[in-house]
N, C-alpha and C. Protein backbone atom coordinates (compact mmCIF):
# COMPACT_ATOMS: atom_id res chain seq x y z
N MET A 1 8.48 16.55 -11.88
CA MET A 1 7.96 15.41 -11.14
C MET A 1 6.45 15.49 -11.10
N ALA A 2 5.79 14.40 -11.45
CA ALA A 2 4.32 14.35 -11.46
C ALA A 2 3.80 14.19 -10.03
N VAL A 3 2.75 14.91 -9.73
CA VAL A 3 2.12 14.83 -8.43
C VAL A 3 1.06 13.74 -8.48
N LYS A 4 1.10 12.81 -7.51
CA LYS A 4 0.09 11.75 -7.47
C LYS A 4 -1.20 12.31 -6.92
N LEU A 5 -2.26 12.11 -7.65
CA LEU A 5 -3.58 12.52 -7.18
C LEU A 5 -4.07 11.52 -6.14
N LYS A 6 -4.94 11.99 -5.28
CA LYS A 6 -5.51 11.08 -4.29
C LYS A 6 -6.43 10.08 -4.98
N LYS A 7 -6.37 8.86 -4.49
CA LYS A 7 -7.17 7.78 -5.05
C LYS A 7 -8.20 7.37 -3.99
N THR A 8 -9.42 7.12 -4.42
CA THR A 8 -10.48 6.73 -3.49
C THR A 8 -10.51 5.21 -3.34
N ILE A 9 -10.61 4.77 -2.09
CA ILE A 9 -10.77 3.35 -1.78
C ILE A 9 -12.01 3.19 -0.90
N GLY A 10 -12.45 1.96 -0.73
CA GLY A 10 -13.60 1.67 0.12
C GLY A 10 -13.18 1.39 1.55
N TRP A 11 -14.15 1.11 2.41
CA TRP A 11 -13.86 0.87 3.83
C TRP A 11 -13.23 -0.50 4.06
N GLU A 12 -13.34 -1.41 3.07
CA GLU A 12 -12.63 -2.67 3.13
C GLU A 12 -12.01 -2.91 1.76
N GLU A 13 -10.74 -3.33 1.77
CA GLU A 13 -9.99 -3.53 0.54
C GLU A 13 -8.97 -4.64 0.74
N TRP A 14 -8.26 -4.99 -0.32
CA TRP A 14 -7.14 -5.92 -0.26
C TRP A 14 -5.84 -5.15 -0.40
N CYS A 15 -4.83 -5.56 0.33
CA CYS A 15 -3.50 -4.98 0.16
C CYS A 15 -2.48 -6.10 0.19
N ALA A 16 -1.23 -5.76 -0.09
CA ALA A 16 -0.13 -6.72 -0.01
C ALA A 16 0.97 -6.13 0.87
N LEU A 17 1.67 -7.01 1.56
CA LEU A 17 2.84 -6.63 2.35
C LEU A 17 4.00 -7.46 1.80
N PRO A 18 4.54 -7.05 0.63
CA PRO A 18 5.53 -7.88 -0.06
C PRO A 18 6.80 -8.16 0.74
N ASP A 19 7.25 -7.22 1.54
CA ASP A 19 8.48 -7.44 2.33
C ASP A 19 8.29 -8.55 3.36
N LEU A 20 7.04 -8.80 3.73
CA LEU A 20 6.73 -9.85 4.71
C LEU A 20 6.29 -11.15 4.03
N GLY A 21 6.26 -11.16 2.70
CA GLY A 21 5.82 -12.34 1.98
C GLY A 21 4.31 -12.56 2.05
N LEU A 22 3.57 -11.47 2.17
CA LEU A 22 2.11 -11.55 2.27
C LEU A 22 1.47 -10.86 1.06
N PRO A 23 1.12 -11.64 0.01
CA PRO A 23 0.60 -11.04 -1.21
C PRO A 23 -0.85 -10.59 -1.15
N ALA A 24 -1.59 -11.01 -0.11
CA ALA A 24 -3.01 -10.63 -0.03
C ALA A 24 -3.47 -10.65 1.42
N VAL A 25 -3.86 -9.47 1.92
CA VAL A 25 -4.43 -9.35 3.25
C VAL A 25 -5.64 -8.42 3.13
N LYS A 26 -6.77 -8.89 3.63
CA LYS A 26 -7.96 -8.05 3.60
C LYS A 26 -7.86 -7.06 4.76
N VAL A 27 -8.04 -5.77 4.44
CA VAL A 27 -7.91 -4.73 5.46
C VAL A 27 -9.23 -4.00 5.67
N LYS A 28 -9.41 -3.59 6.91
CA LYS A 28 -10.49 -2.66 7.23
C LYS A 28 -9.82 -1.31 7.36
N VAL A 29 -10.31 -0.35 6.62
CA VAL A 29 -9.75 0.99 6.69
C VAL A 29 -10.32 1.66 7.94
N ASP A 30 -9.43 2.16 8.79
CA ASP A 30 -9.83 2.71 10.08
C ASP A 30 -9.23 4.11 10.25
N THR A 31 -10.00 5.12 9.88
CA THR A 31 -9.51 6.49 9.99
C THR A 31 -9.41 6.95 11.44
N GLY A 32 -9.96 6.17 12.36
CA GLY A 32 -9.83 6.49 13.78
C GLY A 32 -8.51 6.03 14.37
N ALA A 33 -7.80 5.18 13.66
CA ALA A 33 -6.50 4.67 14.12
C ALA A 33 -5.38 5.42 13.43
N LYS A 34 -4.43 5.92 14.19
CA LYS A 34 -3.30 6.62 13.58
C LYS A 34 -2.38 5.63 12.86
N THR A 35 -2.01 4.56 13.55
CA THR A 35 -1.09 3.56 13.00
C THR A 35 -1.86 2.33 12.56
N SER A 36 -1.40 1.69 11.52
CA SER A 36 -2.01 0.45 11.06
C SER A 36 -1.65 -0.68 12.01
N ALA A 37 -2.47 -1.72 12.05
CA ALA A 37 -2.24 -2.86 12.93
C ALA A 37 -2.38 -4.16 12.15
N LEU A 38 -1.46 -5.08 12.39
CA LEU A 38 -1.45 -6.37 11.71
C LEU A 38 -1.63 -7.47 12.74
N HIS A 39 -2.47 -8.45 12.41
CA HIS A 39 -2.65 -9.61 13.26
C HIS A 39 -1.34 -10.39 13.34
N ALA A 40 -0.87 -10.68 14.55
CA ALA A 40 0.37 -11.43 14.74
C ALA A 40 0.29 -12.20 16.05
N TYR A 41 0.98 -13.33 16.08
CA TYR A 41 1.06 -14.12 17.31
C TYR A 41 2.41 -14.81 17.35
N ASP A 42 2.72 -15.45 18.47
CA ASP A 42 4.04 -16.04 18.70
C ASP A 42 5.13 -15.02 18.37
N ILE A 43 4.96 -13.83 18.90
CA ILE A 43 5.88 -12.72 18.62
C ILE A 43 7.14 -12.90 19.47
N GLU A 44 8.30 -12.82 18.81
CA GLU A 44 9.57 -13.06 19.48
C GLU A 44 10.57 -11.98 19.05
N LEU A 45 11.16 -11.32 20.01
CA LEU A 45 12.17 -10.30 19.76
C LEU A 45 13.54 -10.97 19.76
N PHE A 46 14.40 -10.62 18.78
CA PHE A 46 15.77 -11.14 18.78
C PHE A 46 16.70 -10.09 18.18
N THR A 47 17.98 -10.24 18.45
CA THR A 47 18.99 -9.30 17.98
C THR A 47 19.97 -10.03 17.08
N GLU A 48 20.30 -9.38 15.96
CA GLU A 48 21.26 -9.93 15.02
C GLU A 48 22.10 -8.77 14.50
N ASN A 49 23.43 -8.91 14.59
CA ASN A 49 24.34 -7.84 14.17
C ASN A 49 23.98 -6.50 14.79
N LYS A 50 23.67 -6.53 16.08
CA LYS A 50 23.35 -5.34 16.88
C LYS A 50 22.07 -4.63 16.46
N GLN A 51 21.22 -5.31 15.70
CA GLN A 51 19.93 -4.73 15.31
C GLN A 51 18.82 -5.62 15.85
N ASP A 52 17.77 -4.98 16.39
CA ASP A 52 16.63 -5.73 16.92
C ASP A 52 15.65 -6.07 15.80
N PHE A 53 15.18 -7.30 15.84
CA PHE A 53 14.19 -7.80 14.88
C PHE A 53 13.04 -8.44 15.64
N VAL A 54 11.93 -8.61 14.93
CA VAL A 54 10.78 -9.31 15.47
C VAL A 54 10.44 -10.45 14.53
N ARG A 55 10.29 -11.64 15.09
CA ARG A 55 9.82 -12.81 14.34
C ARG A 55 8.40 -13.07 14.84
N PHE A 56 7.49 -13.29 13.92
CA PHE A 56 6.10 -13.51 14.32
C PHE A 56 5.38 -14.35 13.28
N LYS A 57 4.25 -14.88 13.67
CA LYS A 57 3.42 -15.65 12.75
C LYS A 57 2.14 -14.87 12.48
N VAL A 58 1.60 -15.12 11.30
CA VAL A 58 0.39 -14.43 10.85
C VAL A 58 -0.57 -15.45 10.25
N HIS A 59 -1.82 -15.32 10.56
CA HIS A 59 -2.89 -15.99 9.80
C HIS A 59 -3.41 -14.90 8.87
N PRO A 60 -2.89 -14.80 7.65
CA PRO A 60 -3.23 -13.65 6.81
C PRO A 60 -4.62 -13.68 6.20
N LEU A 61 -5.26 -14.84 6.20
CA LEU A 61 -6.56 -14.95 5.55
C LEU A 61 -7.68 -15.03 6.58
N GLN A 62 -8.67 -14.20 6.38
CA GLN A 62 -9.83 -14.17 7.26
C GLN A 62 -10.46 -15.55 7.38
N LYS A 63 -10.89 -15.90 8.57
CA LYS A 63 -11.61 -17.15 8.83
C LYS A 63 -10.79 -18.40 8.50
N ASN A 64 -9.46 -18.28 8.45
CA ASN A 64 -8.60 -19.42 8.18
C ASN A 64 -7.46 -19.41 9.19
N ASN A 65 -7.63 -20.15 10.28
CA ASN A 65 -6.60 -20.19 11.32
C ASN A 65 -5.63 -21.35 11.13
N LYS A 66 -5.77 -22.09 10.04
CA LYS A 66 -4.83 -23.18 9.75
C LYS A 66 -3.67 -22.69 8.90
N PHE A 67 -3.95 -21.80 7.95
CA PHE A 67 -2.92 -21.29 7.06
C PHE A 67 -2.14 -20.19 7.78
N GLU A 68 -0.83 -20.33 7.84
CA GLU A 68 -0.02 -19.33 8.53
C GLU A 68 1.25 -19.04 7.76
N ARG A 69 1.82 -17.88 8.05
CA ARG A 69 3.10 -17.48 7.50
C ARG A 69 3.96 -16.97 8.66
N GLU A 70 5.26 -17.28 8.60
CA GLU A 70 6.18 -16.70 9.57
C GLU A 70 6.87 -15.52 8.91
N CYS A 71 6.97 -14.43 9.63
CA CYS A 71 7.55 -13.20 9.09
C CYS A 71 8.65 -12.71 10.02
N ILE A 72 9.59 -11.97 9.46
CA ILE A 72 10.65 -11.32 10.23
C ILE A 72 10.75 -9.88 9.72
N ALA A 73 10.87 -8.95 10.66
CA ALA A 73 11.00 -7.54 10.29
C ALA A 73 11.84 -6.82 11.34
N PRO A 74 12.56 -5.78 10.91
CA PRO A 74 13.30 -4.96 11.89
C PRO A 74 12.33 -4.28 12.85
N LEU A 75 12.70 -4.24 14.12
CA LEU A 75 11.89 -3.55 15.13
C LEU A 75 12.16 -2.05 15.03
N VAL A 76 11.10 -1.27 14.95
CA VAL A 76 11.23 0.18 14.87
C VAL A 76 11.03 0.82 16.23
N ASP A 77 10.07 0.29 17.02
CA ASP A 77 9.68 0.96 18.25
C ASP A 77 8.77 0.04 19.06
N PHE A 78 8.48 0.46 20.27
CA PHE A 78 7.41 -0.09 21.09
C PHE A 78 6.42 1.06 21.29
N ARG A 79 5.14 0.77 21.27
CA ARG A 79 4.14 1.81 21.52
C ARG A 79 3.03 1.28 22.39
N TYR A 80 2.50 2.16 23.20
CA TYR A 80 1.28 1.82 23.92
C TYR A 80 0.10 2.27 23.07
N VAL A 81 -0.81 1.35 22.82
CA VAL A 81 -1.96 1.62 21.98
C VAL A 81 -3.21 1.33 22.79
N THR A 82 -4.16 2.26 22.73
CA THR A 82 -5.45 2.04 23.37
C THR A 82 -6.41 1.53 22.32
N SER A 83 -6.91 0.32 22.52
CA SER A 83 -7.81 -0.29 21.54
C SER A 83 -9.20 0.33 21.61
N SER A 84 -10.05 -0.06 20.67
CA SER A 84 -11.40 0.50 20.61
C SER A 84 -12.23 0.14 21.85
N ASN A 85 -11.84 -0.94 22.55
CA ASN A 85 -12.57 -1.29 23.77
C ASN A 85 -11.95 -0.66 25.02
N GLY A 86 -10.96 0.22 24.82
CA GLY A 86 -10.39 0.98 25.92
C GLY A 86 -9.20 0.33 26.61
N GLU A 87 -8.78 -0.85 26.18
CA GLU A 87 -7.64 -1.52 26.79
C GLU A 87 -6.33 -0.97 26.23
N ARG A 88 -5.37 -0.75 27.14
CA ARG A 88 -4.06 -0.25 26.74
C ARG A 88 -3.10 -1.42 26.62
N GLU A 89 -2.37 -1.48 25.48
CA GLU A 89 -1.50 -2.61 25.21
C GLU A 89 -0.16 -2.10 24.66
N LYS A 90 0.94 -2.69 25.15
CA LYS A 90 2.26 -2.37 24.61
C LYS A 90 2.46 -3.25 23.38
N ARG A 91 2.78 -2.62 22.24
CA ARG A 91 2.92 -3.35 20.98
C ARG A 91 4.27 -3.08 20.34
N TYR A 92 4.76 -4.11 19.63
CA TYR A 92 5.93 -3.94 18.78
C TYR A 92 5.50 -3.17 17.54
N VAL A 93 6.39 -2.34 17.02
CA VAL A 93 6.13 -1.57 15.80
C VAL A 93 7.20 -1.94 14.77
N ILE A 94 6.73 -2.27 13.56
CA ILE A 94 7.64 -2.54 12.44
C ILE A 94 7.32 -1.56 11.31
N ARG A 95 8.26 -1.41 10.39
CA ARG A 95 8.02 -0.62 9.18
C ARG A 95 8.24 -1.57 8.00
N THR A 96 7.27 -1.59 7.09
CA THR A 96 7.35 -2.51 5.96
C THR A 96 6.67 -1.90 4.75
N GLY A 97 6.98 -2.44 3.59
CA GLY A 97 6.33 -1.99 2.36
C GLY A 97 4.87 -2.39 2.35
N LEU A 98 4.03 -1.49 1.92
CA LEU A 98 2.59 -1.71 1.81
C LEU A 98 2.19 -1.37 0.38
N GLN A 99 1.49 -2.30 -0.27
CA GLN A 99 1.01 -2.05 -1.62
C GLN A 99 -0.50 -2.12 -1.62
N ILE A 100 -1.11 -1.03 -2.06
CA ILE A 100 -2.56 -0.99 -2.20
C ILE A 100 -2.85 -0.16 -3.45
N ALA A 101 -3.68 -0.73 -4.29
CA ALA A 101 -3.95 -0.13 -5.61
C ALA A 101 -2.62 -0.03 -6.34
N ASP A 102 -2.35 1.12 -6.95
CA ASP A 102 -1.08 1.30 -7.65
C ASP A 102 -0.07 2.02 -6.76
N ARG A 103 -0.33 2.03 -5.46
CA ARG A 103 0.51 2.76 -4.52
C ARG A 103 1.36 1.80 -3.71
N ILE A 104 2.63 2.12 -3.58
CA ILE A 104 3.55 1.38 -2.72
C ILE A 104 4.18 2.40 -1.79
N THR A 105 4.12 2.13 -0.51
CA THR A 105 4.66 3.06 0.47
C THR A 105 5.20 2.27 1.66
N ALA A 106 6.04 2.90 2.45
CA ALA A 106 6.49 2.29 3.71
C ALA A 106 5.46 2.63 4.77
N ALA A 107 5.05 1.64 5.51
CA ALA A 107 4.03 1.87 6.54
C ALA A 107 4.49 1.30 7.87
N GLU A 108 4.15 1.98 8.94
CA GLU A 108 4.39 1.43 10.27
C GLU A 108 3.18 0.60 10.66
N LEU A 109 3.45 -0.59 11.20
CA LEU A 109 2.40 -1.49 11.64
C LEU A 109 2.68 -1.89 13.08
N THR A 110 1.65 -1.86 13.92
CA THR A 110 1.79 -2.46 15.23
C THR A 110 1.37 -3.91 15.12
N LEU A 111 1.99 -4.77 15.92
CA LEU A 111 1.68 -6.20 15.90
C LEU A 111 0.82 -6.53 17.10
N THR A 112 -0.32 -7.17 16.85
CA THR A 112 -1.25 -7.51 17.92
C THR A 112 -2.11 -8.70 17.52
N SER A 113 -2.64 -9.39 18.49
CA SER A 113 -3.53 -10.49 18.18
C SER A 113 -4.88 -9.94 17.74
N ARG A 114 -5.33 -10.37 16.58
CA ARG A 114 -6.64 -9.98 16.06
C ARG A 114 -7.46 -11.24 15.77
N HIS A 115 -7.17 -12.33 16.53
CA HIS A 115 -7.89 -13.59 16.32
C HIS A 115 -9.40 -13.42 16.38
N ASN A 116 -9.86 -12.58 17.28
CA ASN A 116 -11.31 -12.43 17.46
C ASN A 116 -11.91 -11.32 16.61
N MET A 117 -11.10 -10.73 15.75
CA MET A 117 -11.57 -9.62 14.92
C MET A 117 -11.92 -10.12 13.52
N ALA A 118 -12.78 -9.39 12.86
CA ALA A 118 -13.22 -9.79 11.51
C ALA A 118 -12.11 -9.60 10.47
N PHE A 119 -11.21 -8.64 10.68
CA PHE A 119 -10.16 -8.35 9.70
C PHE A 119 -8.80 -8.59 10.32
N ARG A 120 -7.88 -9.12 9.51
CA ARG A 120 -6.53 -9.41 9.97
C ARG A 120 -5.65 -8.16 10.05
N MET A 121 -6.12 -7.08 9.45
CA MET A 121 -5.33 -5.85 9.46
C MET A 121 -6.23 -4.63 9.45
N LEU A 122 -5.81 -3.60 10.18
CA LEU A 122 -6.44 -2.28 10.10
C LEU A 122 -5.48 -1.37 9.37
N LEU A 123 -6.00 -0.59 8.45
CA LEU A 123 -5.19 0.39 7.72
C LEU A 123 -5.50 1.75 8.31
N GLY A 124 -4.51 2.34 8.98
CA GLY A 124 -4.70 3.59 9.71
C GLY A 124 -4.42 4.84 8.88
N ARG A 125 -4.65 5.99 9.54
CA ARG A 125 -4.54 7.31 8.88
C ARG A 125 -3.18 7.60 8.28
N GLU A 126 -2.11 7.25 9.00
CA GLU A 126 -0.77 7.58 8.51
C GLU A 126 -0.48 6.90 7.18
N ALA A 127 -0.83 5.62 7.06
CA ALA A 127 -0.61 4.91 5.80
C ALA A 127 -1.49 5.49 4.70
N LEU A 128 -2.71 5.84 5.02
CA LEU A 128 -3.62 6.45 4.05
C LEU A 128 -3.04 7.76 3.52
N ARG A 129 -2.53 8.57 4.45
CA ARG A 129 -1.96 9.87 4.07
C ARG A 129 -0.73 9.69 3.19
N LYS A 130 0.17 8.80 3.59
CA LYS A 130 1.40 8.59 2.82
C LYS A 130 1.12 8.04 1.42
N ALA A 131 0.12 7.19 1.29
CA ALA A 131 -0.22 6.60 0.00
C ALA A 131 -1.17 7.48 -0.81
N LYS A 132 -1.57 8.62 -0.23
CA LYS A 132 -2.50 9.55 -0.89
C LYS A 132 -3.82 8.85 -1.25
N LEU A 133 -4.40 8.22 -0.21
CA LEU A 133 -5.67 7.53 -0.38
C LEU A 133 -6.75 8.23 0.43
N VAL A 134 -7.94 8.29 -0.11
CA VAL A 134 -9.10 8.79 0.63
C VAL A 134 -10.14 7.67 0.66
N VAL A 135 -10.99 7.71 1.66
CA VAL A 135 -11.93 6.62 1.89
C VAL A 135 -13.36 7.07 1.61
N ASP A 136 -14.07 6.26 0.85
CA ASP A 136 -15.51 6.42 0.69
C ASP A 136 -16.14 5.34 1.57
N PRO A 137 -16.67 5.72 2.75
CA PRO A 137 -17.18 4.71 3.69
C PRO A 137 -18.42 3.98 3.19
N ALA A 138 -19.01 4.43 2.11
CA ALA A 138 -20.20 3.76 1.56
C ALA A 138 -19.82 2.65 0.58
N LYS A 139 -18.51 2.52 0.29
CA LYS A 139 -18.09 1.54 -0.73
C LYS A 139 -17.15 0.49 -0.15
N SER A 140 -17.16 -0.68 -0.79
CA SER A 140 -16.24 -1.78 -0.47
C SER A 140 -15.57 -2.24 -1.75
N TYR A 141 -14.34 -2.66 -1.62
CA TYR A 141 -13.59 -3.26 -2.73
C TYR A 141 -13.63 -2.42 -4.01
N VAL A 142 -13.39 -1.14 -3.87
CA VAL A 142 -13.30 -0.25 -5.02
C VAL A 142 -12.18 -0.73 -5.94
N LEU A 143 -11.13 -1.29 -5.35
CA LEU A 143 -9.96 -1.75 -6.11
C LEU A 143 -10.15 -3.15 -6.66
N GLY A 144 -11.25 -3.79 -6.34
CA GLY A 144 -11.54 -5.14 -6.83
C GLY A 144 -11.42 -6.19 -5.75
N LYS A 145 -12.12 -7.28 -5.95
CA LYS A 145 -12.08 -8.39 -5.00
C LYS A 145 -11.06 -9.42 -5.46
N ILE A 146 -10.49 -10.11 -4.51
CA ILE A 146 -9.63 -11.24 -4.80
C ILE A 146 -10.44 -12.48 -4.45
N LYS A 147 -10.81 -13.24 -5.46
CA LYS A 147 -11.70 -14.38 -5.23
C LYS A 147 -11.00 -15.55 -4.55
N SER A 148 -9.73 -15.75 -4.84
CA SER A 148 -9.00 -16.88 -4.26
C SER A 148 -7.65 -16.42 -3.72
N PRO A 149 -7.64 -15.76 -2.56
CA PRO A 149 -6.37 -15.27 -2.03
C PRO A 149 -5.38 -16.38 -1.71
N LEU A 150 -5.89 -17.56 -1.32
CA LEU A 150 -4.99 -18.68 -1.02
C LEU A 150 -4.16 -19.05 -2.24
N SER A 151 -4.75 -18.93 -3.43
CA SER A 151 -4.01 -19.26 -4.65
C SER A 151 -2.81 -18.32 -4.84
N LEU A 152 -2.92 -17.07 -4.40
CA LEU A 152 -1.77 -16.15 -4.50
C LEU A 152 -0.62 -16.63 -3.63
N TYR A 153 -0.95 -17.15 -2.45
CA TYR A 153 0.08 -17.68 -1.56
C TYR A 153 0.69 -18.95 -2.15
N GLN A 154 -0.14 -19.79 -2.78
CA GLN A 154 0.36 -21.02 -3.39
C GLN A 154 1.26 -20.69 -4.58
N GLU A 155 0.88 -19.71 -5.40
CA GLU A 155 1.72 -19.28 -6.52
C GLU A 155 3.05 -18.76 -6.02
N GLN A 156 3.01 -18.00 -4.93
CA GLN A 156 4.22 -17.45 -4.34
C GLN A 156 5.14 -18.59 -3.87
N SER A 157 4.57 -19.60 -3.21
CA SER A 157 5.35 -20.74 -2.74
C SER A 157 5.96 -21.50 -3.91
N ASN A 158 5.18 -21.70 -4.96
CA ASN A 158 5.67 -22.42 -6.15
C ASN A 158 6.83 -21.68 -6.81
N SER A 159 6.75 -20.35 -6.87
CA SER A 159 7.82 -19.58 -7.51
C SER A 159 9.10 -19.60 -6.66
N LEU A 160 8.97 -19.77 -5.35
CA LEU A 160 10.15 -19.85 -4.49
C LEU A 160 10.86 -21.19 -4.64
N ILE A 161 10.09 -22.22 -4.98
CA ILE A 161 10.66 -23.56 -5.13
C ILE A 161 11.47 -23.66 -6.41
N LYS A 162 11.02 -23.01 -7.47
CA LYS A 162 11.68 -23.11 -8.78
C LYS A 162 13.02 -22.43 -8.81
């Protein structure tokens, strides 16, 4: 079995959350956060076949509060998280596939409102460790920029219609 070498990424990058139908989300890499956090609102807990799920909406694109996606994921846990401004918040935790660079891994994400934040997602230490990624804080978009992320969502919608 080949051992994956660690790959260097910048402090801001693009990732995908394919299980949630999100092909492009700009992330801020946050080595101070243990768990990753995803912007979510209208969060609703429901049970189906004795399993708890979370339904929520996401504005996956920075500076675009009109474009939204509805997502559903199994509930893994509830956690109290202390934000960078010192506020303690109870958050839903989901586990979903995360794709960044050539790495695909399962990542735990807490769901929280990030409307007032510059990035729709924080990529925390646990996901970095599992994906064998290291951060160069002096660099951005080491993996490349996505010039038209909305077009990825439109392509995805078109392929679902066919």
